[in-house]
Amino acid sequence: RAFLRYCLVHRQLAESLQLCLLDPEILREWYYARSPFLSPQRRAE
């Protein structure tokens, strides 16, 4: 929660999350198949 607030204040939320979402291996390691992060279209939205 503190990280989200920090990123909102510093206008870094989208960029920070995008960096985390670039690696499909990490995404599959952390999320099950229903996660919107595993769908390229949902992730882009």
ModelCIF file with pLDDT and N, C-alpha, C, O atoms, coordinates in Angstrom:
data_MODEL
#
_entry.id   MODEL 
#
_entity.id                         1 
_entity.type                       polymer 
_entity.pdbx_number_of_molecules   1 
#
_entity_poly.entity_id                      1 
_entity_poly.type                           'polypeptide(L)' 
_entity_poly.nstd_linkage                   no 
_entity_poly.nstd_monomer                   no 
_entity_poly.pdbx_seq_one_letter_code       RAFLRYCLVHRQLAESLQLCLLDPEILREWYYARSPFLSPQRRAE 
_entity_poly.pdbx_seq_one_letter_code_can   RAFLRYCLVHRQLAESLQLCLLDPEILREWYYARSPFLSPQRRAE 
_entity_poly.pdbx_strand_id                 A 
#
loop_
_entity_poly_seq.entity_id 
_entity_poly_seq.num 
_entity_poly_seq.mon_id 
_entity_poly_seq.hetero 
1 1  ARG n 
1 2  ALA n 
1 3  PHE n 
1 4  LEU n 
1 5  ARG n 
1 6  TYR n 
1 7  CYS n 
1 8  LEU n 
1 9  VAL n 
1 10 HIS n 
1 11 ARG n 
1 12 GLN n 
1 13 LEU n 
1 14 ALA n 
1 15 GLU n 
1 16 SER n 
1 17 LEU n 
1 18 GLN n 
1 19 LEU n 
1 20 CYS n 
1 21 LEU n 
1 22 LEU n 
1 23 ASP n 
1 24 PRO n 
1 25 GLU n 
1 26 ILE n 
1 27 LEU n 
1 28 ARG n 
1 29 GLU n 
1 30 TRP n 
1 31 TYR n 
1 32 TYR n 
1 33 ALA n 
1 34 ARG n 
1 35 SER n 
1 36 PRO n 
1 37 PHE n 
1 38 LEU n 
1 39 SER n 
1 40 PRO n 
1 41 GLN n 
1 42 ARG n 
1 43 ARG n 
1 44 ALA n 
1 45 GLU n 
#
_struct_asym.id          A 
_struct_asym.entity_id   1 
#
loop_
_ma_qa_metric.id 
_ma_qa_metric.mode 
_ma_qa_metric.name 
_ma_qa_metric.software_group_id 
_ma_qa_metric.type 
1 global pLDDT . pLDDT 
2 local  pLDDT . pLDDT 
#
_ma_qa_metric_global.metric_id      1 
_ma_qa_metric_global.metric_value   95.33 
_ma_qa_metric_global.model_id       1 
_ma_qa_metric_global.ordinal_id     1 
#
loop_
_ma_qa_metric_local.label_asym_id 
_ma_qa_metric_local.label_comp_id 
_ma_qa_metric_local.label_seq_id 
_ma_qa_metric_local.metric_id 
_ma_qa_metric_local.metric_value 
_ma_qa_metric_local.model_id 
_ma_qa_metric_local.ordinal_id 
A ARG 1  2 96.00 1 1  
A ALA 2  2 97.00 1 2  
A PHE 3  2 97.00 1 3  
A LEU 4  2 97.00 1 4  
A ARG 5  2 97.00 1 5  
A TYR 6  2 97.00 1 6  
A CYS 7  2 97.00 1 7  
A LEU 8  2 97.00 1 8  
A VAL 9  2 97.00 1 9  
A HIS 10 2 97.00 1 10 
A ARG 11 2 97.00 1 11 
A GLN 12 2 96.00 1 12 
A LEU 13 2 97.00 1 13 
A ALA 14 2 97.00 1 14 
A GLU 15 2 95.00 1 15 
A SER 16 2 95.00 1 16 
A LEU 17 2 96.00 1 17 
A GLN 18 2 95.00 1 18 
A LEU 19 2 93.00 1 19 
A CYS 20 2 93.00 1 20 
A LEU 21 2 94.00 1 21 
A LEU 22 2 90.00 1 22 
A ASP 23 2 88.00 1 23 
A PRO 24 2 90.00 1 24 
A GLU 25 2 91.00 1 25 
A ILE 26 2 91.00 1 26 
A LEU 27 2 94.00 1 27 
A ARG 28 2 95.00 1 28 
A GLU 29 2 95.00 1 29 
A TRP 30 2 96.00 1 30 
A TYR 31 2 97.00 1 31 
A TYR 32 2 96.00 1 32 
A ALA 33 2 95.00 1 33 
A ARG 34 2 96.00 1 34 
A SER 35 2 97.00 1 35 
A PRO 36 2 97.00 1 36 
A PHE 37 2 97.00 1 37 
A LEU 38 2 96.00 1 38 
A SER 39 2 96.00 1 39 
A PRO 40 2 95.00 1 40 
A GLN 41 2 96.00 1 41 
A ARG 42 2 96.00 1 42 
A ARG 43 2 96.00 1 43 
A ALA 44 2 96.00 1 44 
A GLU 45 2 97.00 1 45 
#
loop_
_atom_site.group_PDB 
_atom_site.id 
_atom_site.type_symbol 
_atom_site.label_atom_id 
_atom_site.label_alt_id 
_atom_site.label_comp_id 
_atom_site.label_asym_id 
_atom_site.label_entity_id 
_atom_site.label_seq_id 
_atom_site.pdbx_PDB_ins_code 
_atom_site.Cartn_x 
_atom_site.Cartn_y 
_atom_site.Cartn_z 
_atom_site.occupancy 
_atom_site.B_iso_or_equiv 
_atom_site.pdbx_formal_charge 
_atom_site.auth_seq_id 
_atom_site.auth_comp_id 
_atom_site.auth_asym_id 
_atom_site.auth_atom_id 
_atom_site.pdbx_PDB_model_num 
ATOM 1   N N  . ARG A 1 1  ? 0.829  -1.207  0.000   1.00 96.00 ? 1  ARG A N  1 
ATOM 2   C CA . ARG A 1 1  ? 0.000  0.000   0.000   1.00 96.00 ? 1  ARG A CA 1 
ATOM 3   C C  . ARG A 1 1  ? 0.863  1.256   0.000   1.00 96.00 ? 1  ARG A C  1 
ATOM 4   O O  . ARG A 1 1  ? 0.564  2.218   -0.708  1.00 96.00 ? 1  ARG A O  1 
ATOM 5   N N  . ALA A 1 2  ? 1.925  1.249   0.787   1.00 97.00 ? 2  ALA A N  1 
ATOM 6   C CA . ALA A 1 2  ? 2.825  2.404   0.823   1.00 97.00 ? 2  ALA A CA 1 
ATOM 7   C C  . ALA A 1 2  ? 3.501  2.593   -0.534  1.00 97.00 ? 2  ALA A C  1 
ATOM 8   O O  . ALA A 1 2  ? 3.692  3.723   -0.982  1.00 97.00 ? 2  ALA A O  1 
ATOM 9   N N  . PHE A 1 3  ? 3.857  1.498   -1.181  1.00 97.00 ? 3  PHE A N  1 
ATOM 10  C CA . PHE A 1 3  ? 4.488  1.572   -2.493  1.00 97.00 ? 3  PHE A CA 1 
ATOM 11  C C  . PHE A 1 3  ? 3.537  2.172   -3.522  1.00 97.00 ? 3  PHE A C  1 
ATOM 12  O O  . PHE A 1 3  ? 3.943  3.018   -4.319  1.00 97.00 ? 3  PHE A O  1 
ATOM 13  N N  . LEU A 1 4  ? 2.277  1.744   -3.514  1.00 97.00 ? 4  LEU A N  1 
ATOM 14  C CA . LEU A 1 4  ? 1.290  2.303   -4.441  1.00 97.00 ? 4  LEU A CA 1 
ATOM 15  C C  . LEU A 1 4  ? 1.157  3.809   -4.238  1.00 97.00 ? 4  LEU A C  1 
ATOM 16  O O  . LEU A 1 4  ? 1.120  4.567   -5.207  1.00 97.00 ? 4  LEU A O  1 
ATOM 17  N N  . ARG A 1 5  ? 1.085  4.242   -2.989  1.00 97.00 ? 5  ARG A N  1 
ATOM 18  C CA . ARG A 1 5  ? 0.965  5.677   -2.692  1.00 97.00 ? 5  ARG A CA 1 
ATOM 19  C C  . ARG A 1 5  ? 2.211  6.435   -3.161  1.00 97.00 ? 5  ARG A C  1 
ATOM 20  O O  . ARG A 1 5  ? 2.106  7.513   -3.745  1.00 97.00 ? 5  ARG A O  1 
ATOM 21  N N  . TYR A 1 6  ? 3.376  5.867   -2.903  1.00 97.00 ? 6  TYR A N  1 
ATOM 22  C CA . TYR A 1 6  ? 4.621  6.496   -3.347  1.00 97.00 ? 6  TYR A CA 1 
ATOM 23  C C  . TYR A 1 6  ? 4.605  6.672   -4.863  1.00 97.00 ? 6  TYR A C  1 
ATOM 24  O O  . TYR A 1 6  ? 4.928  7.744   -5.374  1.00 97.00 ? 6  TYR A O  1 
ATOM 25  N N  . CYS A 1 7  ? 4.231  5.622   -5.571  1.00 97.00 ? 7  CYS A N  1 
ATOM 26  C CA . CYS A 1 7  ? 4.219  5.670   -7.037  1.00 97.00 ? 7  CYS A CA 1 
ATOM 27  C C  . CYS A 1 7  ? 3.183  6.663   -7.562  1.00 97.00 ? 7  CYS A C  1 
ATOM 28  O O  . CYS A 1 7  ? 3.427  7.327   -8.570  1.00 97.00 ? 7  CYS A O  1 
ATOM 29  N N  . LEU A 1 8  ? 2.042  6.774   -6.902  1.00 97.00 ? 8  LEU A N  1 
ATOM 30  C CA . LEU A 1 8  ? 1.045  7.758   -7.332  1.00 97.00 ? 8  LEU A CA 1 
ATOM 31  C C  . LEU A 1 8  ? 1.592  9.172   -7.173  1.00 97.00 ? 8  LEU A C  1 
ATOM 32  O O  . LEU A 1 8  ? 1.455  9.994   -8.080  1.00 97.00 ? 8  LEU A O  1 
ATOM 33  N N  . VAL A 1 9  ? 2.201  9.460   -6.045  1.00 97.00 ? 9  VAL A N  1 
ATOM 34  C CA . VAL A 1 9  ? 2.757  10.797  -5.795  1.00 97.00 ? 9  VAL A CA 1 
ATOM 35  C C  . VAL A 1 9  ? 3.844  11.137  -6.797  1.00 97.00 ? 9  VAL A C  1 
ATOM 36  O O  . VAL A 1 9  ? 3.927  12.269  -7.272  1.00 97.00 ? 9  VAL A O  1 
ATOM 37  N N  . HIS A 1 10 ? 4.675  10.160  -7.117  1.00 97.00 ? 10 HIS A N  1 
ATOM 38  C CA . HIS A 1 10 ? 5.817  10.401  -8.007  1.00 97.00 ? 10 HIS A CA 1 
ATOM 39  C C  . HIS A 1 10 ? 5.536  10.057  -9.471  1.00 97.00 ? 10 HIS A C  1 
ATOM 40  O O  . HIS A 1 10 ? 6.443  10.044  -10.303 1.00 97.00 ? 10 HIS A O  1 
ATOM 41  N N  . ARG A 1 11 ? 4.281  9.784   -9.764  1.00 97.00 ? 11 ARG A N  1 
ATOM 42  C CA . ARG A 1 11 ? 3.842  9.487   -11.139 1.00 97.00 ? 11 ARG A CA 1 
ATOM 43  C C  . ARG A 1 11 ? 4.646  8.357   -11.770 1.00 97.00 ? 11 ARG A C  1 
ATOM 44  O O  . ARG A 1 11 ? 5.093  8.449   -12.913 1.00 97.00 ? 11 ARG A O  1 
ATOM 45  N N  . GLN A 1 12 ? 4.816  7.290   -10.994 1.00 96.00 ? 12 GLN A N  1 
ATOM 46  C CA . GLN A 1 12 ? 5.610  6.146   -11.443 1.00 96.00 ? 12 GLN A CA 1 
ATOM 47  C C  . GLN A 1 12 ? 4.846  4.833   -11.433 1.00 96.00 ? 12 GLN A C  1 
ATOM 48  O O  . GLN A 1 12 ? 5.430  3.777   -11.679 1.00 96.00 ? 12 GLN A O  1 
ATOM 49  N N  . LEU A 1 13 ? 3.538  4.883   -11.150 1.00 97.00 ? 13 LEU A N  1 
ATOM 50  C CA . LEU A 1 13 ? 2.800  3.632   -10.981 1.00 97.00 ? 13 LEU A CA 1 
ATOM 51  C C  . LEU A 1 13 ? 2.761  2.807   -12.262 1.00 97.00 ? 13 LEU A C  1 
ATOM 52  O O  . LEU A 1 13 ? 3.095  1.622   -12.240 1.00 97.00 ? 13 LEU A O  1 
ATOM 53  N N  . ALA A 1 14 ? 2.367  3.402   -13.358 1.00 97.00 ? 14 ALA A N  1 
ATOM 54  C CA . ALA A 1 14 ? 2.249  2.649   -14.613 1.00 97.00 ? 14 ALA A CA 1 
ATOM 55  C C  . ALA A 1 14 ? 3.605  2.101   -15.054 1.00 97.00 ? 14 ALA A C  1 
ATOM 56  O O  . ALA A 1 14 ? 3.721  0.934   -15.430 1.00 97.00 ? 14 ALA A O  1 
ATOM 57  N N  . GLU A 1 15 ? 4.611  2.939   -15.004 1.00 95.00 ? 15 GLU A N  1 
ATOM 58  C CA . GLU A 1 15 ? 5.944  2.497   -15.440 1.00 95.00 ? 15 GLU A CA 1 
ATOM 59  C C  . GLU A 1 15 ? 6.462  1.362   -14.552 1.00 95.00 ? 15 GLU A C  1 
ATOM 60  O O  . GLU A 1 15 ? 7.013  0.380   -15.049 1.00 95.00 ? 15 GLU A O  1 
ATOM 61  N N  . SER A 1 16 ? 6.280  1.504   -13.244 1.00 95.00 ? 16 SER A N  1 
ATOM 62  C CA . SER A 1 16 ? 6.760  0.476   -12.315 1.00 95.00 ? 16 SER A CA 1 
ATOM 63  C C  . SER A 1 16 ? 6.040  -0.840  -12.539 1.00 95.00 ? 16 SER A C  1 
ATOM 64  O O  . SER A 1 16 ? 6.671  -1.896  -12.580 1.00 95.00 ? 16 SER A O  1 
ATOM 65  N N  . LEU A 1 17 ? 4.725  -0.785  -12.685 1.00 96.00 ? 17 LEU A N  1 
ATOM 66  C CA . LEU A 1 17 ? 3.976  -2.007  -12.915 1.00 96.00 ? 17 LEU A CA 1 
ATOM 67  C C  . LEU A 1 17 ? 4.317  -2.617  -14.275 1.00 96.00 ? 17 LEU A C  1 
ATOM 68  O O  . LEU A 1 17 ? 4.412  -3.838  -14.402 1.00 96.00 ? 17 LEU A O  1 
ATOM 69  N N  . GLN A 1 18 ? 4.498  -1.786  -15.269 1.00 95.00 ? 18 GLN A N  1 
ATOM 70  C CA . GLN A 1 18 ? 4.853  -2.294  -16.591 1.00 95.00 ? 18 GLN A CA 1 
ATOM 71  C C  . GLN A 1 18 ? 6.182  -3.057  -16.543 1.00 95.00 ? 18 GLN A C  1 
ATOM 72  O O  . GLN A 1 18 ? 6.324  -4.095  -17.190 1.00 95.00 ? 18 GLN A O  1 
ATOM 73  N N  . LEU A 1 19 ? 7.136  -2.556  -15.791 1.00 93.00 ? 19 LEU A N  1 
ATOM 74  C CA . LEU A 1 19 ? 8.414  -3.255  -15.659 1.00 93.00 ? 19 LEU A CA 1 
ATOM 75  C C  . LEU A 1 19 ? 8.217  -4.643  -15.058 1.00 93.00 ? 19 LEU A C  1 
ATOM 76  O O  . LEU A 1 19 ? 8.899  -5.592  -15.444 1.00 93.00 ? 19 LEU A O  1 
ATOM 77  N N  . CYS A 1 20 ? 7.285  -4.761  -14.115 1.00 93.00 ? 20 CYS A N  1 
ATOM 78  C CA . CYS A 1 20 ? 7.011  -6.059  -13.488 1.00 93.00 ? 20 CYS A CA 1 
ATOM 79  C C  . CYS A 1 20 ? 6.283  -7.002  -14.427 1.00 93.00 ? 20 CYS A C  1 
ATOM 80  O O  . CYS A 1 20 ? 6.431  -8.221  -14.331 1.00 93.00 ? 20 CYS A O  1 
ATOM 81  N N  . LEU A 1 21 ? 5.501  -6.442  -15.329 1.00 94.00 ? 21 LEU A N  1 
ATOM 82  C CA . LEU A 1 21 ? 4.668  -7.263  -16.210 1.00 94.00 ? 21 LEU A CA 1 
ATOM 83  C C  . LEU A 1 21 ? 5.374  -7.685  -17.497 1.00 94.00 ? 21 LEU A C  1 
ATOM 84  O O  . LEU A 1 21 ? 4.793  -8.413  -18.302 1.00 94.00 ? 21 LEU A O  1 
ATOM 85  N N  . LEU A 1 22 ? 6.599  -7.248  -17.704 1.00 90.00 ? 22 LEU A N  1 
ATOM 86  C CA . LEU A 1 22 ? 7.325  -7.574  -18.930 1.00 90.00 ? 22 LEU A CA 1 
ATOM 87  C C  . LEU A 1 22 ? 7.808  -9.020  -18.991 1.00 90.00 ? 22 LEU A C  1 
ATOM 88  O O  . LEU A 1 22 ? 8.012  -9.561  -20.078 1.00 90.00 ? 22 LEU A O  1 
ATOM 89  N N  . ASP A 1 23 ? 7.989  -9.639  -17.847 1.00 88.00 ? 23 ASP A N  1 
ATOM 90  C CA . ASP A 1 23 ? 8.566  -10.980 -17.798 1.00 88.00 ? 23 ASP A CA 1 
ATOM 91  C C  . ASP A 1 23 ? 7.469  -12.030 -17.616 1.00 88.00 ? 23 ASP A C  1 
ATOM 92  O O  . ASP A 1 23 ? 6.931  -12.169 -16.518 1.00 88.00 ? 23 ASP A O  1 
ATOM 93  N N  . PRO A 1 24 ? 7.127  -12.775 -18.679 1.00 90.00 ? 24 PRO A N  1 
ATOM 94  C CA . PRO A 1 24 ? 6.057  -13.775 -18.570 1.00 90.00 ? 24 PRO A CA 1 
ATOM 95  C C  . PRO A 1 24 ? 6.352  -14.875 -17.545 1.00 90.00 ? 24 PRO A C  1 
ATOM 96  O O  . PRO A 1 24 ? 5.432  -15.426 -16.941 1.00 90.00 ? 24 PRO A O  1 
ATOM 97  N N  . GLU A 1 25 ? 7.632  -15.190 -17.352 1.00 91.00 ? 25 GLU A N  1 
ATOM 98  C CA . GLU A 1 25 ? 7.999  -16.209 -16.359 1.00 91.00 ? 25 GLU A CA 1 
ATOM 99  C C  . GLU A 1 25 ? 7.600  -15.779 -14.956 1.00 91.00 ? 25 GLU A C  1 
ATOM 100 O O  . GLU A 1 25 ? 7.027  -16.562 -14.199 1.00 91.00 ? 25 GLU A O  1 
ATOM 101 N N  . ILE A 1 26 ? 7.903  -14.537 -14.615 1.00 91.00 ? 26 ILE A N  1 
ATOM 102 C CA . ILE A 1 26 ? 7.538  -14.031 -13.286 1.00 91.00 ? 26 ILE A CA 1 
ATOM 103 C C  . ILE A 1 26 ? 6.024  -14.000 -13.141 1.00 91.00 ? 26 ILE A C  1 
ATOM 104 O O  . ILE A 1 26 ? 5.493  -14.356 -12.089 1.00 91.00 ? 26 ILE A O  1 
ATOM 105 N N  . LEU A 1 27 ? 5.329  -13.579 -14.185 1.00 94.00 ? 27 LEU A N  1 
ATOM 106 C CA . LEU A 1 27 ? 3.863  -13.523 -14.116 1.00 94.00 ? 27 LEU A CA 1 
ATOM 107 C C  . LEU A 1 27 ? 3.282  -14.911 -13.840 1.00 94.00 ? 27 LEU A C  1 
ATOM 108 O O  . LEU A 1 27 ? 2.410  -15.053 -12.982 1.00 94.00 ? 27 LEU A O  1 
ATOM 109 N N  . ARG A 1 28 ? 3.747  -15.917 -14.544 1.00 95.00 ? 28 ARG A N  1 
ATOM 110 C CA . ARG A 1 28 ? 3.228  -17.280 -14.342 1.00 95.00 ? 28 ARG A CA 1 
ATOM 111 C C  . ARG A 1 28 ? 3.644  -17.837 -12.985 1.00 95.00 ? 28 ARG A C  1 
ATOM 112 O O  . ARG A 1 28 ? 2.937  -18.657 -12.399 1.00 95.00 ? 28 ARG A O  1 
ATOM 113 N N  . GLU A 1 29 ? 4.791  -17.388 -12.493 1.00 95.00 ? 29 GLU A N  1 
ATOM 114 C CA . GLU A 1 29 ? 5.256  -17.831 -11.181 1.00 95.00 ? 29 GLU A CA 1 
ATOM 115 C C  . GLU A 1 29 ? 4.356  -17.285 -10.063 1.00 95.00 ? 29 GLU A C  1 
ATOM 116 O O  . GLU A 1 29 ? 4.139  -17.954 -9.052  1.00 95.00 ? 29 GLU A O  1 
ATOM 117 N N  . TRP A 1 30 ? 3.838  -16.069 -10.253 1.00 96.00 ? 30 TRP A N  1 
ATOM 118 C CA . TRP A 1 30 ? 3.069  -15.397 -9.197  1.00 96.00 ? 30 TRP A CA 1 
ATOM 119 C C  . TRP A 1 30 ? 1.558  -15.450 -9.373  1.00 96.00 ? 30 TRP A C  1 
ATOM 120 O O  . TRP A 1 30 ? 0.827  -15.327 -8.390  1.00 96.00 ? 30 TRP A O  1 
ATOM 121 N N  . TYR A 1 31 ? 1.065  -15.632 -10.607 1.00 97.00 ? 31 TYR A N  1 
ATOM 122 C CA . TYR A 1 31 ? -0.377 -15.540 -10.858 1.00 97.00 ? 31 TYR A CA 1 
ATOM 123 C C  . TYR A 1 31 ? -0.907 -16.790 -11.558 1.00 97.00 ? 31 TYR A C  1 
ATOM 124 O O  . TYR A 1 31 ? -0.236 -17.414 -12.380 1.00 97.00 ? 31 TYR A O  1 
ATOM 125 N N  . TYR A 1 32 ? -2.145 -17.123 -11.189 1.00 96.00 ? 32 TYR A N  1 
ATOM 126 C CA . TYR A 1 32 ? -2.866 -18.198 -11.878 1.00 96.00 ? 32 TYR A CA 1 
ATOM 127 C C  . TYR A 1 32 ? -3.428 -17.656 -13.185 1.00 96.00 ? 32 TYR A C  1 
ATOM 128 O O  . TYR A 1 32 ? -3.354 -16.458 -13.460 1.00 96.00 ? 32 TYR A O  1 
ATOM 129 N N  . ALA A 1 33 ? -3.994 -18.559 -13.990 1.00 95.00 ? 33 ALA A N  1 
ATOM 130 C CA . ALA A 1 33 ? -4.405 -18.244 -15.364 1.00 95.00 ? 33 ALA A CA 1 
ATOM 131 C C  . ALA A 1 33 ? -5.498 -17.180 -15.473 1.00 95.00 ? 33 ALA A C  1 
ATOM 132 O O  . ALA A 1 33 ? -5.573 -16.505 -16.500 1.00 95.00 ? 33 ALA A O  1 
ATOM 133 N N  . ARG A 1 34 ? -6.345 -17.004 -14.459 1.00 96.00 ? 34 ARG A N  1 
ATOM 134 C CA . ARG A 1 34 ? -7.429 -16.018 -14.562 1.00 96.00 ? 34 ARG A CA 1 
ATOM 135 C C  . ARG A 1 34 ? -6.966 -14.581 -14.368 1.00 96.00 ? 34 ARG A C  1 
ATOM 136 O O  . ARG A 1 34 ? -7.746 -13.655 -14.591 1.00 96.00 ? 34 ARG A O  1 
ATOM 137 N N  . SER A 1 35 ? -5.743 -14.374 -13.966 1.00 97.00 ? 35 SER A N  1 
ATOM 138 C CA . SER A 1 35 ? -5.246 -13.020 -13.735 1.00 97.00 ? 35 SER A CA 1 
ATOM 139 C C  . SER A 1 35 ? -5.273 -12.208 -15.031 1.00 97.00 ? 35 SER A C  1 
ATOM 140 O O  . SER A 1 35 ? -4.832 -12.684 -16.077 1.00 97.00 ? 35 SER A O  1 
ATOM 141 N N  . PRO A 1 36 ? -5.793 -10.979 -14.956 1.00 97.00 ? 36 PRO A N  1 
ATOM 142 C CA . PRO A 1 36 ? -5.787 -10.138 -16.160 1.00 97.00 ? 36 PRO A CA 1 
ATOM 143 C C  . PRO A 1 36 ? -4.373 -9.794  -16.634 1.00 97.00 ? 36 PRO A C  1 
ATOM 144 O O  . PRO A 1 36 ? -4.184 -9.411  -17.788 1.00 97.00 ? 36 PRO A O  1 
ATOM 145 N N  . PHE A 1 37 ? -3.404 -9.926  -15.769 1.00 97.00 ? 37 PHE A N  1 
ATOM 146 C CA . PHE A 1 37 ? -2.023 -9.629  -16.160 1.00 97.00 ? 37 PHE A CA 1 
ATOM 147 C C  . PHE A 1 37 ? -1.488 -10.648 -17.163 1.00 97.00 ? 37 PHE A C  1 
ATOM 148 O O  . PHE A 1 37 ? -0.545 -10.351 -17.896 1.00 97.00 ? 37 PHE A O  1 
ATOM 149 N N  . LEU A 1 38 ? -2.067 -11.833 -17.205 1.00 96.00 ? 38 LEU A N  1 
ATOM 150 C CA . LEU A 1 38 ? -1.612 -12.867 -18.137 1.00 96.00 ? 38 LEU A CA 1 
ATOM 151 C C  . LEU A 1 38 ? -2.240 -12.730 -19.522 1.00 96.00 ? 38 LEU A C  1 
ATOM 152 O O  . LEU A 1 38 ? -1.833 -13.420 -20.456 1.00 96.00 ? 38 LEU A O  1 
ATOM 153 N N  . SER A 1 39 ? -3.218 -11.852 -19.658 1.00 96.00 ? 39 SER A N  1 
ATOM 154 C CA . SER A 1 39 ? -3.839 -11.582 -20.956 1.00 96.00 ? 39 SER A CA 1 
ATOM 155 C C  . SER A 1 39 ? -3.197 -10.325 -21.548 1.00 96.00 ? 39 SER A C  1 
ATOM 156 O O  . SER A 1 39 ? -3.299 -9.253  -20.952 1.00 96.00 ? 39 SER A O  1 
ATOM 157 N N  . PRO A 1 40 ? -2.538 -10.431 -22.704 1.00 95.00 ? 40 PRO A N  1 
ATOM 158 C CA . PRO A 1 40 ? -1.896 -9.244  -23.293 1.00 95.00 ? 40 PRO A CA 1 
ATOM 159 C C  . PRO A 1 40 ? -2.865 -8.078  -23.509 1.00 95.00 ? 40 PRO A C  1 
ATOM 160 O O  . PRO A 1 40 ? -2.497 -6.919  -23.316 1.00 95.00 ? 40 PRO A O  1 
ATOM 161 N N  . GLN A 1 41 ? -4.084 -8.381  -23.903 1.00 96.00 ? 41 GLN A N  1 
ATOM 162 C CA . GLN A 1 41 ? -5.068 -7.309  -24.135 1.00 96.00 ? 41 GLN A CA 1 
ATOM 163 C C  . GLN A 1 41 ? -5.461 -6.630  -22.826 1.00 96.00 ? 41 GLN A C  1 
ATOM 164 O O  . GLN A 1 41 ? -5.469 -5.402  -22.741 1.00 96.00 ? 41 GLN A O  1 
ATOM 165 N N  . ARG A 1 42 ? -5.783 -7.413  -21.820 1.00 96.00 ? 42 ARG A N  1 
ATOM 166 C CA . ARG A 1 42 ? -6.162 -6.840  -20.513 1.00 96.00 ? 42 ARG A CA 1 
ATOM 167 C C  . ARG A 1 42 ? -4.995 -6.064  -19.891 1.00 96.00 ? 42 ARG A C  1 
ATOM 168 O O  . ARG A 1 42 ? -5.170 -4.987  -19.322 1.00 96.00 ? 42 ARG A O  1 
ATOM 169 N N  . ARG A 1 43 ? -3.818 -6.641  -20.018 1.00 96.00 ? 43 ARG A N  1 
ATOM 170 C CA . ARG A 1 43 ? -2.625 -5.987  -19.470 1.00 96.00 ? 43 ARG A CA 1 
ATOM 171 C C  . ARG A 1 43 ? -2.433 -4.619  -20.117 1.00 96.00 ? 43 ARG A C  1 
ATOM 172 O O  . ARG A 1 43 ? -2.136 -3.643  -19.427 1.00 96.00 ? 43 ARG A O  1 
ATOM 173 N N  . ALA A 1 44 ? -2.598 -4.541  -21.424 1.00 96.00 ? 44 ALA A N  1 
ATOM 174 C CA . ALA A 1 44 ? -2.458 -3.266  -22.137 1.00 96.00 ? 44 ALA A CA 1 
ATOM 175 C C  . ALA A 1 44 ? -3.528 -2.276  -21.706 1.00 96.00 ? 44 ALA A C  1 
ATOM 176 O O  . ALA A 1 44 ? -3.243 -1.088  -21.554 1.00 96.00 ? 44 ALA A O  1 
ATOM 177 N N  . GLU A 1 45 ? -4.753 -2.745  -21.505 1.00 97.00 ? 45 GLU A N  1 
ATOM 178 C CA . GLU A 1 45 ? -5.835 -1.867  -21.046 1.00 97.00 ? 45 GLU A CA 1 
ATOM 179 C C  . GLU A 1 45 ? -5.536 -1.310  -19.659 1.00 97.00 ? 45 GLU A C  1 
ATOM 180 O O  . GLU A 1 45 ? -6.337 -0.551  -19.112 1.00 97.00 ? 45 GLU A O  1 
#
